[in-house]
């Protein structure tokens, strides 16, 4: 069992930055590929970024590529998402996710159906 707790959301003006953190409890954190997803009101949950268990490989949605950075610290059981140059369309609840299948290679987006554990979500609001 893995529990994920996000933090770092909030209200920011367009062009600003936020850093999200996701702390994981449980053992073998490095065996899990980790991802960030987001869900805006009345929209489906969508993939944002993912990182392999080792931290060596990452993958980003086209909409955030070049603006967002994902990384992890396996000694702290934590994954991060640095969000720069935020846009109003980035407004959403952001969810941390863990995929324990050991098959994710960061060659493509992480699928919602592959997620074993979800965090509770943290609200990110970007104002114009």
Foldseek 3Di string as FASTA:
>chain_A
DKAKAKDWADEEAAQAKIKMKIAIDDPDLLLWKKFKWWDDPPGDIGGAKIAHSVQPEMAGDPVQPPFKDWGDDVVRRMIMIIGGRDDQVVWTWMKMFIANPSPDDNPDTDDPVRTDDIYPTDTHGYHD
